[in-house]
């Protein structure tokens, strides 16, 4: 006779904090990473501690490019529209089954 076991997977999100040029800090959950021959990219979702900010959030993913300089990683915006569209499409394909993502 087979025994039913309750297996609880503990959710431990990968949380990062980024600062903009003016020193404002923003907290994100890393949802996924995509690596190409040229670079690595992260799909981030803003994390809010204020309930109203959570309600006001659009729910849009933030996509950043992981770059390296002098042995240290940093994150940058994707300036090229074609590169951004290619990476955004890759993330949407990967994440749409796990999350409710709608394209606008």
PDB file of N, CA and C in Angstrom:
ATOM      1  N   UNK A   1       0.835  -1.164   0.000  1.00  0.00           N
ATOM      2  CA  UNK A   1       0.000   0.000   0.000  1.00  0.00           C
ATOM      3  C   UNK A   1       0.894   1.246   0.000  1.00  0.00           C
ATOM      4  N   UNK A   2       0.591   2.194  -0.887  1.00  0.00           N
ATOM      5  CA  UNK A   2       1.386   3.409  -1.012  1.00  0.00           C
ATOM      6  C   UNK A   2       1.026   4.385   0.101  1.00  0.00           C
ATOM      7  N   UNK A   3       2.019   5.029   0.608  1.00  0.00           N
ATOM      8  CA  UNK A   3       1.814   5.986   1.690  1.00  0.00           C
ATOM      9  C   UNK A   3       1.820   7.400   1.100  1.00  0.00           C
ATOM     10  N   UNK A   4       0.832   8.197   1.453  1.00  0.00           N
ATOM     11  CA  UNK A   4       0.793   9.591   1.004  1.00  0.00           C
ATOM     12  C   UNK A   4       1.703  10.413   1.891  1.00  0.00           C
ATOM     13  N   UNK A   5       2.567  11.143   1.277  1.00  0.00           N
ATOM     14  CA  UNK A   5       3.467  12.017   2.023  1.00  0.00           C
ATOM     15  C   UNK A   5       3.206  13.447   1.579  1.00  0.00           C
ATOM     16  N   UNK A   6       3.066  14.309   2.534  1.00  0.00           N
ATOM     17  CA  UNK A   6       2.937  15.726   2.224  1.00  0.00           C
ATOM     18  C   UNK A   6       4.338  16.311   2.137  1.00  0.00           C
ATOM     19  N   UNK A   7       4.696  16.712   0.954  1.00  0.00           N
ATOM     20  CA  UNK A   7       5.996  17.331   0.742  1.00  0.00           C
ATOM     21  C   UNK A   7       5.755  18.819   0.550  1.00  0.00           C
ATOM     22  N   UNK A   8       6.288  19.591   1.427  1.00  0.00           N
ATOM     23  CA  UNK A   8       6.122  21.031   1.348  1.00  0.00           C
ATOM     24  C   UNK A   8       7.400  21.634   0.808  1.00  0.00           C
ATOM     25  N   UNK A   9       7.270  22.320  -0.319  1.00  0.00           N
ATOM     26  CA  UNK A   9       8.425  23.011  -0.870  1.00  0.00           C
ATOM     27  C   UNK A   9       8.428  24.428  -0.314  1.00  0.00           C
ATOM     28  N   UNK A  10       9.488  24.774   0.345  1.00  0.00           N
ATOM     29  CA  UNK A  10       9.594  26.107   0.912  1.00  0.00           C
ATOM     30  C   UNK A  10       9.970  27.085  -0.191  1.00  0.00           C
ATOM     31  N   UNK A  11       9.251  28.192  -0.244  1.00  0.00           N
ATOM     32  CA  UNK A  11       9.488  29.210  -1.254  1.00  0.00           C
ATOM     33  C   UNK A  11      10.526  30.197  -0.755  1.00  0.00           C
ATOM     34  N   UNK A  12      11.658  30.246  -1.402  1.00  0.00           N
ATOM     35  CA  UNK A  12      12.734  31.164  -1.051  1.00  0.00           C
ATOM     36  C   UNK A  12      13.097  31.990  -2.276  1.00  0.00           C
ATOM     37  N   UNK A  13      12.433  33.134  -2.438  1.00  0.00           N
ATOM     38  CA  UNK A  13      12.708  33.944  -3.628  1.00  0.00           C
ATOM     39  C   UNK A  13      14.113  34.545  -3.593  1.00  0.00           C
ATOM     40  N   UNK A  14      14.656  34.770  -4.775  1.00  0.00           N
ATOM     41  CA  UNK A  14      15.948  35.428  -4.933  1.00  0.00           C
ATOM     42  C   UNK A  14      15.664  36.926  -5.006  1.00  0.00           C
ATOM     43  N   UNK A  15      15.989  37.658  -3.952  1.00  0.00           N
ATOM     44  CA  UNK A  15      15.688  39.084  -3.851  1.00  0.00           C
ATOM     45  C   UNK A  15      16.975  39.884  -4.027  1.00  0.00           C
ATOM     46  N   UNK A  16      16.896  40.933  -4.868  1.00  0.00           N
ATOM     47  CA  UNK A  16      18.040  41.825  -5.054  1.00  0.00           C
ATOM     48  C   UNK A  16      17.568  43.267  -4.879  1.00  0.00           C
ATOM     49  N   UNK A  17      18.477  44.131  -4.492  1.00  0.00           N
ATOM     50  CA  UNK A  17      18.198  45.554  -4.374  1.00  0.00           C
ATOM     51  C   UNK A  17      19.111  46.286  -5.328  1.00  0.00           C
ATOM     52  N   UNK A  18      18.504  47.150  -6.155  1.00  0.00           N
ATOM     53  CA  UNK A  18      19.254  47.932  -7.129  1.00  0.00           C
ATOM     54  C   UNK A  18      19.101  49.405  -6.802  1.00  0.00           C
ATOM     55  N   UNK A  19      20.133  50.175  -7.127  1.00  0.00           N
ATOM     56  CA  UNK A  19      20.095  51.624  -6.930  1.00  0.00           C
ATOM     57  C   UNK A  19      20.182  52.312  -8.275  1.00  0.00           C
ATOM     58  N   UNK A  20      19.426  53.419  -8.415  1.00  0.00           N
ATOM     59  CA  UNK A  20      19.526  54.186  -9.648  1.00  0.00           C
ATOM     60  C   UNK A  20      20.626  55.236  -9.495  1.00  0.00           C
ATOM     61  N   UNK A  21      20.809  56.058 -10.525  1.00  0.00           N
ATOM     62  CA  UNK A  21      21.876  57.061 -10.510  1.00  0.00           C
ATOM     63  C   UNK A  21      21.707  58.098  -9.410  1.00  0.00           C
ATOM     64  N   UNK A  22      20.481  58.271  -8.917  1.00  0.00           N
ATOM     65  CA  UNK A  22      20.214  59.256  -7.879  1.00  0.00           C
ATOM     66  C   UNK A  22      20.263  58.646  -6.473  1.00  0.00           C
ATOM     67  N   UNK A  23      20.590  57.359  -6.380  1.00  0.00           N
ATOM     68  CA  UNK A  23      20.724  56.705  -5.085  1.00  0.00           C
ATOM     69  C   UNK A  23      19.447  56.099  -4.536  1.00  0.00           C
ATOM     70  N   UNK A  24      18.350  56.152  -5.286  1.00  0.00           N
ATOM     71  CA  UNK A  24      17.105  55.523  -4.840  1.00  0.00           C
ATOM     72  C   UNK A  24      17.236  54.014  -4.978  1.00  0.00           C
ATOM     73  N   UNK A  25      16.823  53.295  -3.944  1.00  0.00           N
ATOM     74  CA  UNK A  25      16.926  51.830  -3.959  1.00  0.00           C
ATOM     75  C   UNK A  25      15.579  51.202  -4.285  1.00  0.00           C
ATOM     76  N   UNK A  26      15.629  50.120  -5.070  1.00  0.00           N
ATOM     77  CA  UNK A  26      14.445  49.380  -5.469  1.00  0.00           C
ATOM     78  C   UNK A  26      14.711  47.895  -5.243  1.00  0.00           C
ATOM     79  N   UNK A  27      13.718  47.197  -4.720  1.00  0.00           N
ATOM     80  CA  UNK A  27      13.867  45.783  -4.414  1.00  0.00           C
ATOM     81  C   UNK A  27      13.086  44.966  -5.444  1.00  0.00           C
ATOM     82  N   UNK A  28      13.719  43.898  -5.928  1.00  0.00           N
ATOM     83  CA  UNK A  28      13.124  43.048  -6.947  1.00  0.00           C
ATOM     84  C   UNK A  28      13.289  41.574  -6.591  1.00  0.00           C
ATOM     85  N   UNK A  29      12.349  40.782  -7.066  1.00  0.00           N
ATOM     86  CA  UNK A  29      12.476  39.330  -7.026  1.00  0.00           C
ATOM     87  C   UNK A  29      12.946  38.881  -8.396  1.00  0.00           C
ATOM     88  N   UNK A  30      13.975  38.050  -8.435  1.00  0.00           N
ATOM     89  CA  UNK A  30      14.460  37.510  -9.703  1.00  0.00           C
ATOM     90  C   UNK A  30      13.558  36.338 -10.072  1.00  0.00           C
ATOM     91  N   UNK A  31      12.819  36.478 -11.176  1.00  0.00           N
ATOM     92  CA  UNK A  31      11.912  35.423 -11.610  1.00  0.00           C
ATOM     93  C   UNK A  31      12.581  34.398 -12.509  1.00  0.00           C
ATOM     94  N   UNK A  32      13.503  34.871 -13.357  1.00  0.00           N
ATOM     95  CA  UNK A  32      14.124  33.966 -14.319  1.00  0.00           C
ATOM     96  C   UNK A  32      15.386  34.617 -14.865  1.00  0.00           C
ATOM     97  N   UNK A  33      16.228  33.802 -15.470  1.00  0.00           N
ATOM     98  CA  UNK A  33      17.440  34.277 -16.135  1.00  0.00           C
ATOM     99  C   UNK A  33      17.547  33.596 -17.486  1.00  0.00           C
ATOM    100  N   UNK A  34      18.001  34.351 -18.471  1.00  0.00           N
ATOM    101  CA  UNK A  34      18.225  33.823 -19.817  1.00  0.00           C
ATOM    102  C   UNK A  34      19.652  34.174 -20.201  1.00  0.00           C
ATOM    103  N   UNK A  35      20.348  33.190 -20.735  1.00  0.00           N
ATOM    104  CA  UNK A  35      21.708  33.425 -21.180  1.00  0.00           C
ATOM    105  C   UNK A  35      21.791  33.177 -22.673  1.00  0.00           C
ATOM    106  N   UNK A  36      22.393  34.124 -23.392  1.00  0.00           N
ATOM    107  CA  UNK A  36      22.622  33.968 -24.821  1.00  0.00           C
ATOM    108  C   UNK A  36      24.124  33.897 -25.047  1.00  0.00           C
ATOM    109  N   UNK A  37      24.528  33.796 -26.295  1.00  0.00           N
ATOM    110  CA  UNK A  37      25.956  33.798 -26.600  1.00  0.00           C
ATOM    111  C   UNK A  37      26.606  35.134 -26.240  1.00  0.00           C
ATOM    112  N   UNK A  38      25.798  36.208 -26.270  1.00  0.00           N
ATOM    113  CA  UNK A  38      26.338  37.542 -26.032  1.00  0.00           C
ATOM    114  C   UNK A  38      26.258  38.001 -24.583  1.00  0.00           C
ATOM    115  N   UNK A  39      25.201  37.611 -23.857  1.00  0.00           N
ATOM    116  CA  UNK A  39      25.007  38.168 -22.518  1.00  0.00           C
ATOM    117  C   UNK A  39      24.036  37.321 -21.703  1.00  0.00           C
ATOM    118  N   UNK A  40      23.883  37.725 -20.426  1.00  0.00           N
ATOM    119  CA  UNK A  40      22.912  37.108 -19.528  1.00  0.00           C
ATOM    120  C   UNK A  40      21.920  38.190 -19.122  1.00  0.00           C
ATOM    121  N   UNK A  41      20.655  37.798 -18.989  1.00  0.00           N
ATOM    122  CA  UNK A  41      19.580  38.734 -18.689  1.00  0.00           C
ATOM    123  C   UNK A  41      18.752  38.200 -17.525  1.00  0.00           C
ATOM    124  N   UNK A  42      18.163  39.115 -16.745  1.00  0.00           N
ATOM    125  CA  UNK A  42      17.302  38.737 -15.642  1.00  0.00           C
ATOM    126  C   UNK A  42      15.925  39.357 -15.827  1.00  0.00           C
ATOM    127  N   UNK A  43      14.894  38.585 -15.502  1.00  0.00           N
ATOM    128  CA  UNK A  43      13.523  39.100 -15.441  1.00  0.00           C
ATOM    129  C   UNK A  43      13.228  39.344 -13.971  1.00  0.00           C
ATOM    130  N   UNK A  44      12.883  40.588 -13.652  1.00  0.00           N
ATOM    131  CA  UNK A  44      12.679  40.995 -12.264  1.00  0.00           C
ATOM    132  C   UNK A  44      11.241  41.468 -12.062  1.00  0.00           C
ATOM    133  N   UNK A  45      10.744  41.245 -10.866  1.00  0.00           N
ATOM    134  CA  UNK A  45       9.422  41.719 -10.478  1.00  0.00           C
ATOM    135  C   UNK A  45       9.601  42.584  -9.231  1.00  0.00           C
ATOM    136  N   UNK A  46       9.092  43.829  -9.257  1.00  0.00           N
ATOM    137  CA  UNK A  46       9.248  44.690  -8.085  1.00  0.00           C
ATOM    138  C   UNK A  46       8.630  44.065  -6.838  1.00  0.00           C
ATOM    139  N   UNK A  47       9.301  44.252  -5.699  1.00  0.00           N
ATOM    140  CA  UNK A  47       8.810  43.793  -4.399  1.00  0.00           C
ATOM    141  C   UNK A  47       8.423  45.035  -3.605  1.00  0.00           C
ATOM    142  N   UNK A  48       7.217  45.013  -3.049  1.00  0.00           N
ATOM    143  CA  UNK A  48       6.728  46.166  -2.297  1.00  0.00           C
ATOM    144  C   UNK A  48       6.418  45.771  -0.861  1.00  0.00           C
ATOM    145  N   UNK A  49       6.814  46.629   0.066  1.00  0.00           N
ATOM    146  CA  UNK A  49       6.454  46.404   1.467  1.00  0.00           C
ATOM    147  C   UNK A  49       5.183  47.165   1.827  1.00  0.00           C
ATOM    148  N   UNK A  50       4.873  48.198   1.060  1.00  0.00           N
ATOM    149  CA  UNK A  50       3.677  48.996   1.278  1.00  0.00           C
ATOM    150  C   UNK A  50       2.510  48.382   0.505  1.00  0.00           C
ATOM    151  N   UNK A  51       1.428  48.015   1.187  1.00  0.00           N
ATOM    152  CA  UNK A  51       0.287  47.387   0.498  1.00  0.00           C
ATOM    153  C   UNK A  51      -0.295  48.247  -0.625  1.00  0.00           C
ATOM    154  N   UNK A  52      -0.325  49.566  -0.461  1.00  0.00           N
ATOM    155  CA  UNK A  52      -0.875  50.431  -1.505  1.00  0.00           C
ATOM    156  C   UNK A  52       0.023  50.419  -2.741  1.00  0.00           C
ATOM    157  N   UNK A  53       1.332  50.415  -2.542  1.00  0.00           N
ATOM    158  CA  UNK A  53       2.264  50.350  -3.661  1.00  0.00           C
ATOM    159  C   UNK A  53       2.083  49.045  -4.429  1.00  0.00           C
ATOM    160  N   UNK A  54       1.818  47.969  -3.713  1.00  0.00           N
ATOM    161  CA  UNK A  54       1.564  46.680  -4.349  1.00  0.00           C
ATOM    162  C   UNK A  54       0.313  46.748  -5.214  1.00  0.00           C
ATOM    163  N   UNK A  55      -0.740  47.381  -4.702  1.00  0.00           N
ATOM    164  CA  UNK A  55      -1.970  47.517  -5.475  1.00  0.00           C
ATOM    165  C   UNK A  55      -1.788  48.424  -6.690  1.00  0.00           C
ATOM    166  N   UNK A  56      -0.953  49.445  -6.552  1.00  0.00           N
ATOM    167  CA  UNK A  56      -0.735  50.401  -7.632  1.00  0.00           C
ATOM    168  C   UNK A  56       0.235  49.898  -8.694  1.00  0.00           C
ATOM    169  N   UNK A  57       1.000  48.856  -8.393  1.00  0.00           N
ATOM    170  CA  UNK A  57       2.006  48.337  -9.325  1.00  0.00           C
ATOM    171  C   UNK A  57       1.341  47.769 -10.571  1.00  0.00           C
ATOM    172  N   UNK A  58       1.937  48.034 -11.716  1.00  0.00           N
ATOM    173  CA  UNK A  58       1.407  47.550 -12.998  1.00  0.00           C
ATOM    174  C   UNK A  58       1.642  46.056 -13.197  1.00  0.00           C
ATOM    175  N   UNK A  59       2.573  45.484 -12.442  1.00  0.00           N
ATOM    176  CA  UNK A  59       2.867  44.063 -12.593  1.00  0.00           C
ATOM    177  C   UNK A  59       3.784  43.754 -13.768  1.00  0.00           C
ATOM    178  N   UNK A  60       4.338  44.790 -14.386  1.00  0.00           N
ATOM    179  CA  UNK A  60       5.230  44.583 -15.519  1.00  0.00           C
ATOM    180  C   UNK A  60       6.591  44.076 -15.054  1.00  0.00           C
ATOM    181  N   UNK A  61       7.158  43.186 -15.862  1.00  0.00           N
ATOM    182  CA  UNK A  61       8.495  42.692 -15.584  1.00  0.00           C
ATOM    183  C   UNK A  61       9.517  43.770 -15.897  1.00  0.00           C
ATOM    184  N   UNK A  62      10.587  43.784 -15.134  1.00  0.00           N
ATOM    185  CA  UNK A  62      11.732  44.634 -15.418  1.00  0.00           C
ATOM    186  C   UNK A  62      12.814  43.695 -15.921  1.00  0.00           C
ATOM    187  N   UNK A  63      13.341  43.986 -17.094  1.00  0.00           N
ATOM    188  CA  UNK A  63      14.366  43.124 -17.686  1.00  0.00           C
ATOM    189  C   UNK A  63      15.674  43.900 -17.723  1.00  0.00           C
ATOM    190  N   UNK A  64      16.714  43.298 -17.166  1.00  0.00           N
ATOM    191  CA  UNK A  64      18.029  43.937 -17.141  1.00  0.00           C
ATOM    192  C   UNK A  64      19.067  43.014 -17.758  1.00  0.00           C
ATOM    193  N   UNK A  65      20.115  43.638 -18.224  1.00  0.00           N
ATOM    194  CA  UNK A  65      21.252  42.922 -18.793  1.00  0.00           C
ATOM    195  C   UNK A  65      22.340  42.851 -17.725  1.00  0.00           C
ATOM    196  N   UNK A  66      22.902  41.675 -17.522  1.00  0.00           N
ATOM    197  CA  UNK A  66      23.973  41.491 -16.547  1.00  0.00           C
ATOM    198  C   UNK A  66      25.293  41.709 -17.278  1.00  0.00           C
ATOM    199  N   UNK A  67      26.065  42.674 -16.801  1.00  0.00           N
ATOM    200  CA  UNK A  67      27.353  42.965 -17.420  1.00  0.00           C
ATOM    201  C   UNK A  67      28.441  42.864 -16.365  1.00  0.00           C
ATOM    202  N   UNK A  68      29.664  42.787 -16.820  1.00  0.00           N
ATOM    203  CA  UNK A  68      30.789  42.652 -15.893  1.00  0.00           C
ATOM    204  C   UNK A  68      31.848  43.684 -16.226  1.00  0.00           C
ATOM    205  N   UNK A  69      32.369  44.290 -15.172  1.00  0.00           N
ATOM    206  CA  UNK A  69      33.446  45.258 -15.337  1.00  0.00           C
ATOM    207  C   UNK A  69      34.400  45.103 -14.165  1.00  0.00           C
ATOM    208  N   UNK A  70      35.665  44.916 -14.460  1.00  0.00           N
ATOM    209  CA  UNK A  70      36.698  44.732 -13.425  1.00  0.00           C
ATOM    210  C   UNK A  70      36.346  43.602 -12.464  1.00  0.00           C
ATOM    211  N   UNK A  71      35.766  42.528 -13.003  1.00  0.00           N
ATOM    212  CA  UNK A  71      35.445  41.356 -12.201  1.00  0.00           C
ATOM    213  C   UNK A  71      34.181  41.475 -11.376  1.00  0.00           C
ATOM    214  N   UNK A  72      33.457  42.592 -11.484  1.00  0.00           N
ATOM    215  CA  UNK A  72      32.230  42.772 -10.721  1.00  0.00           C
ATOM    216  C   UNK A  72      31.033  42.865 -11.653  1.00  0.00           C
ATOM    217  N   UNK A  73      29.938  42.206 -11.246  1.00  0.00           N
ATOM    218  CA  UNK A  73      28.714  42.252 -12.037  1.00  0.00           C
ATOM    219  C   UNK A  73      27.916  43.505 -11.716  1.00  0.00           C
ATOM    220  N   UNK A  74      27.269  44.034 -12.756  1.00  0.00           N
ATOM    221  CA  UNK A  74      26.315  45.116 -12.563  1.00  0.00           C
ATOM    222  C   UNK A  74      25.196  44.922 -13.572  1.00  0.00           C
ATOM    223  N   UNK A  75      24.101  45.609 -13.356  1.00  0.00           N
ATOM    224  CA  UNK A  75      22.925  45.456 -14.190  1.00  0.00           C
ATOM    225  C   UNK A  75      22.684  46.740 -14.960  1.00  0.00           C
ATOM    226  N   UNK A  76      22.327  46.603 -16.230  1.00  0.00           N
ATOM    227  CA  UNK A  76      22.076  47.785 -17.047  1.00  0.00           C
ATOM    228  C   UNK A  76      20.791  47.614 -17.847  1.00  0.00           C
ATOM    229  N   UNK A  77      20.265  48.757 -18.282  1.00  0.00           N
ATOM    230  CA  UNK A  77      19.091  48.738 -19.147  1.00  0.00           C
ATOM    231  C   UNK A  77      19.514  48.235 -20.518  1.00  0.00           C
ATOM    232  N   UNK A  78      18.572  47.638 -21.224  1.00  0.00           N
ATOM    233  CA  UNK A  78      18.836  47.192 -22.586  1.00  0.00           C
ATOM    234  C   UNK A  78      18.465  48.352 -23.499  1.00  0.00           C
ATOM    235  N   UNK A  79      19.459  48.958 -24.123  1.00  0.00           N
ATOM    236  CA  UNK A  79      19.256  50.147 -24.948  1.00  0.00           C
ATOM    237  C   UNK A  79      18.696  49.822 -26.336  1.00  0.00           C
ATOM    238  N   UNK A  80      19.097  48.704 -26.900  1.00  0.00           N
ATOM    239  CA  UNK A  80      18.700  48.333 -28.259  1.00  0.00           C
ATOM    240  C   UNK A  80      17.296  47.734 -28.256  1.00  0.00           C
ATOM    241  N   UNK A  81      16.365  48.343 -29.004  1.00  0.00           N
ATOM    242  CA  UNK A  81      14.973  47.880 -29.038  1.00  0.00           C
ATOM    243  C   UNK A  81      14.843  46.447 -29.549  1.00  0.00           C
ATOM    244  N   UNK A  82      15.611  46.104 -30.567  1.00  0.00           N
ATOM    245  CA  UNK A  82      15.541  44.752 -31.131  1.00  0.00           C
ATOM    246  C   UNK A  82      16.028  43.714 -30.120  1.00  0.00           C
ATOM    247  N   UNK A  83      17.116  44.017 -29.433  1.00  0.00           N
ATOM    248  CA  UNK A  83      17.647  43.126 -28.395  1.00  0.00           C
ATOM    249  C   UNK A  83      16.617  42.968 -27.271  1.00  0.00           C
ATOM    250  N   UNK A  84      16.005  44.095 -26.855  1.00  0.00           N
ATOM    251  CA  UNK A  84      15.018  44.048 -25.782  1.00  0.00           C
ATOM    252  C   UNK A  84      13.821  43.179 -26.174  1.00  0.00           C
ATOM    253  N   UNK A  85      13.303  43.364 -27.378  1.00  0.00           N
ATOM    254  CA  UNK A  85      12.145  42.587 -27.834  1.00  0.00           C
ATOM    255  C   UNK A  85      12.465  41.098 -27.873  1.00  0.00           C
ATOM    256  N   UNK A  86      13.655  40.750 -28.348  1.00  0.00           N
ATOM    257  CA  UNK A  86      14.057  39.345 -28.423  1.00  0.00           C
ATOM    258  C   UNK A  86      14.098  38.720 -27.023  1.00  0.00           C
ATOM    259  N   UNK A  87      14.688  39.430 -26.062  1.00  0.00           N
ATOM    260  CA  UNK A  87      14.820  38.911 -24.706  1.00  0.00           C
ATOM    261  C   UNK A  87      13.463  38.891 -24.004  1.00  0.00           C
ATOM    262  N   UNK A  88      12.668  39.939 -24.188  1.00  0.00           N
ATOM    263  CA  UNK A  88      11.332  39.983 -23.577  1.00  0.00           C
ATOM    264  C   UNK A  88      10.486  38.816 -24.077  1.00  0.00           C
ATOM    265  N   UNK A  89      10.527  38.540 -25.378  1.00  0.00           N
ATOM    266  CA  UNK A  89       9.776  37.407 -25.937  1.00  0.00           C
ATOM    267  C   UNK A  89      10.242  36.085 -25.344  1.00  0.00           C
ATOM    268  N   UNK A  90      11.549  35.953 -25.141  1.00  0.00           N
ATOM    269  CA  UNK A  90      12.086  34.720 -24.552  1.00  0.00           C
ATOM    270  C   UNK A  90      11.565  34.544 -23.126  1.00  0.00           C
ATOM    271  N   UNK A  91      11.557  35.616 -22.344  1.00  0.00           N
ATOM    272  CA  UNK A  91      11.044  35.530 -20.970  1.00  0.00           C
ATOM    273  C   UNK A  91       9.548  35.231 -20.953  1.00  0.00           C
ATOM    274  N   UNK A  92       8.804  35.874 -21.828  1.00  0.00           N
ATOM    275  CA  UNK A  92       7.357  35.632 -21.872  1.00  0.00           C
ATOM    276  C   UNK A  92       7.083  34.171 -22.194  1.00  0.00           C
ATOM    277  N   UNK A  93       7.793  33.630 -23.174  1.00  0.00           N
ATOM    278  CA  UNK A  93       7.621  32.213 -23.522  1.00  0.00           C
ATOM    279  C   UNK A  93       7.923  31.314 -22.335  1.00  0.00           C
ATOM    280  N   UNK A  94       8.984  31.626 -21.595  1.00  0.00           N
ATOM    281  CA  UNK A  94       9.395  30.782 -20.471  1.00  0.00           C
ATOM    282  C   UNK A  94       8.484  30.922 -19.264  1.00  0.00           C
ATOM    283  N   UNK A  95       7.956  32.124 -19.033  1.00  0.00           N
ATOM    284  CA  UNK A  95       7.220  32.400 -17.802  1.00  0.00           C
ATOM    285  C   UNK A  95       5.701  32.309 -17.928  1.00  0.00           C
ATOM    286  N   UNK A  96       5.181  32.333 -19.147  1.00  0.00           N
ATOM    287  CA  UNK A  96       3.723  32.389 -19.277  1.00  0.00           C
ATOM    288  C   UNK A  96       3.025  31.157 -18.738  1.00  0.00           C
ATOM    289  N   UNK A  97       3.680  30.034 -18.710  1.00  0.00           N
ATOM    290  CA  UNK A  97       3.062  28.836 -18.140  1.00  0.00           C
ATOM    291  C   UNK A  97       3.077  28.834 -16.609  1.00  0.00           C
ATOM    292  N   UNK A  98       4.079  29.467 -16.030  1.00  0.00           N
ATOM    293  CA  UNK A  98       4.206  29.475 -14.577  1.00  0.00           C
ATOM    294  C   UNK A  98       3.430  30.627 -13.921  1.00  0.00           C
ATOM    295  N   UNK A  99       3.253  31.700 -14.665  1.00  0.00           N
ATOM    296  CA  UNK A  99       2.581  32.887 -14.142  1.00  0.00           C
ATOM    297  C   UNK A  99       1.530  33.335 -15.140  1.00  0.00           C
ATOM    298  N   UNK A 100       0.586  34.117 -14.666  1.00  0.00           N
ATOM    299  CA  UNK A 100      -0.435  34.662 -15.556  1.00  0.00           C
ATOM    300  C   UNK A 100       0.121  35.927 -16.212  1.00  0.00           C
ATOM    301  N   UNK A 101       0.706  35.774 -17.392  1.00  0.00           N
ATOM    302  CA  UNK A 101       1.299  36.899 -18.099  1.00  0.00           C
ATOM    303  C   UNK A 101       0.470  37.167 -19.342  1.00  0.00           C
ATOM    304  N   UNK A 102       0.092  38.413 -19.494  1.00  0.00           N
ATOM    305  CA  UNK A 102      -0.630  38.810 -20.701  1.00  0.00           C
ATOM    306  C   UNK A 102       0.204  39.849 -21.430  1.00  0.00           C
ATOM    307  N   UNK A 103       0.254  39.717 -22.739  1.00  0.00           N
ATOM    308  CA  UNK A 103       1.011  40.674 -23.544  1.00  0.00           C
ATOM    309  C   UNK A 103       0.106  41.843 -23.896  1.00  0.00           C
ATOM    310  N   UNK A 104       0.667  43.062 -23.828  1.00  0.00           N
ATOM    311  CA  UNK A 104      -0.096  44.253 -24.191  1.00  0.00           C
ATOM    312  C   UNK A 104       0.343  44.747 -25.524  1.00  0.00           C
TER     313      UNK A 104
END
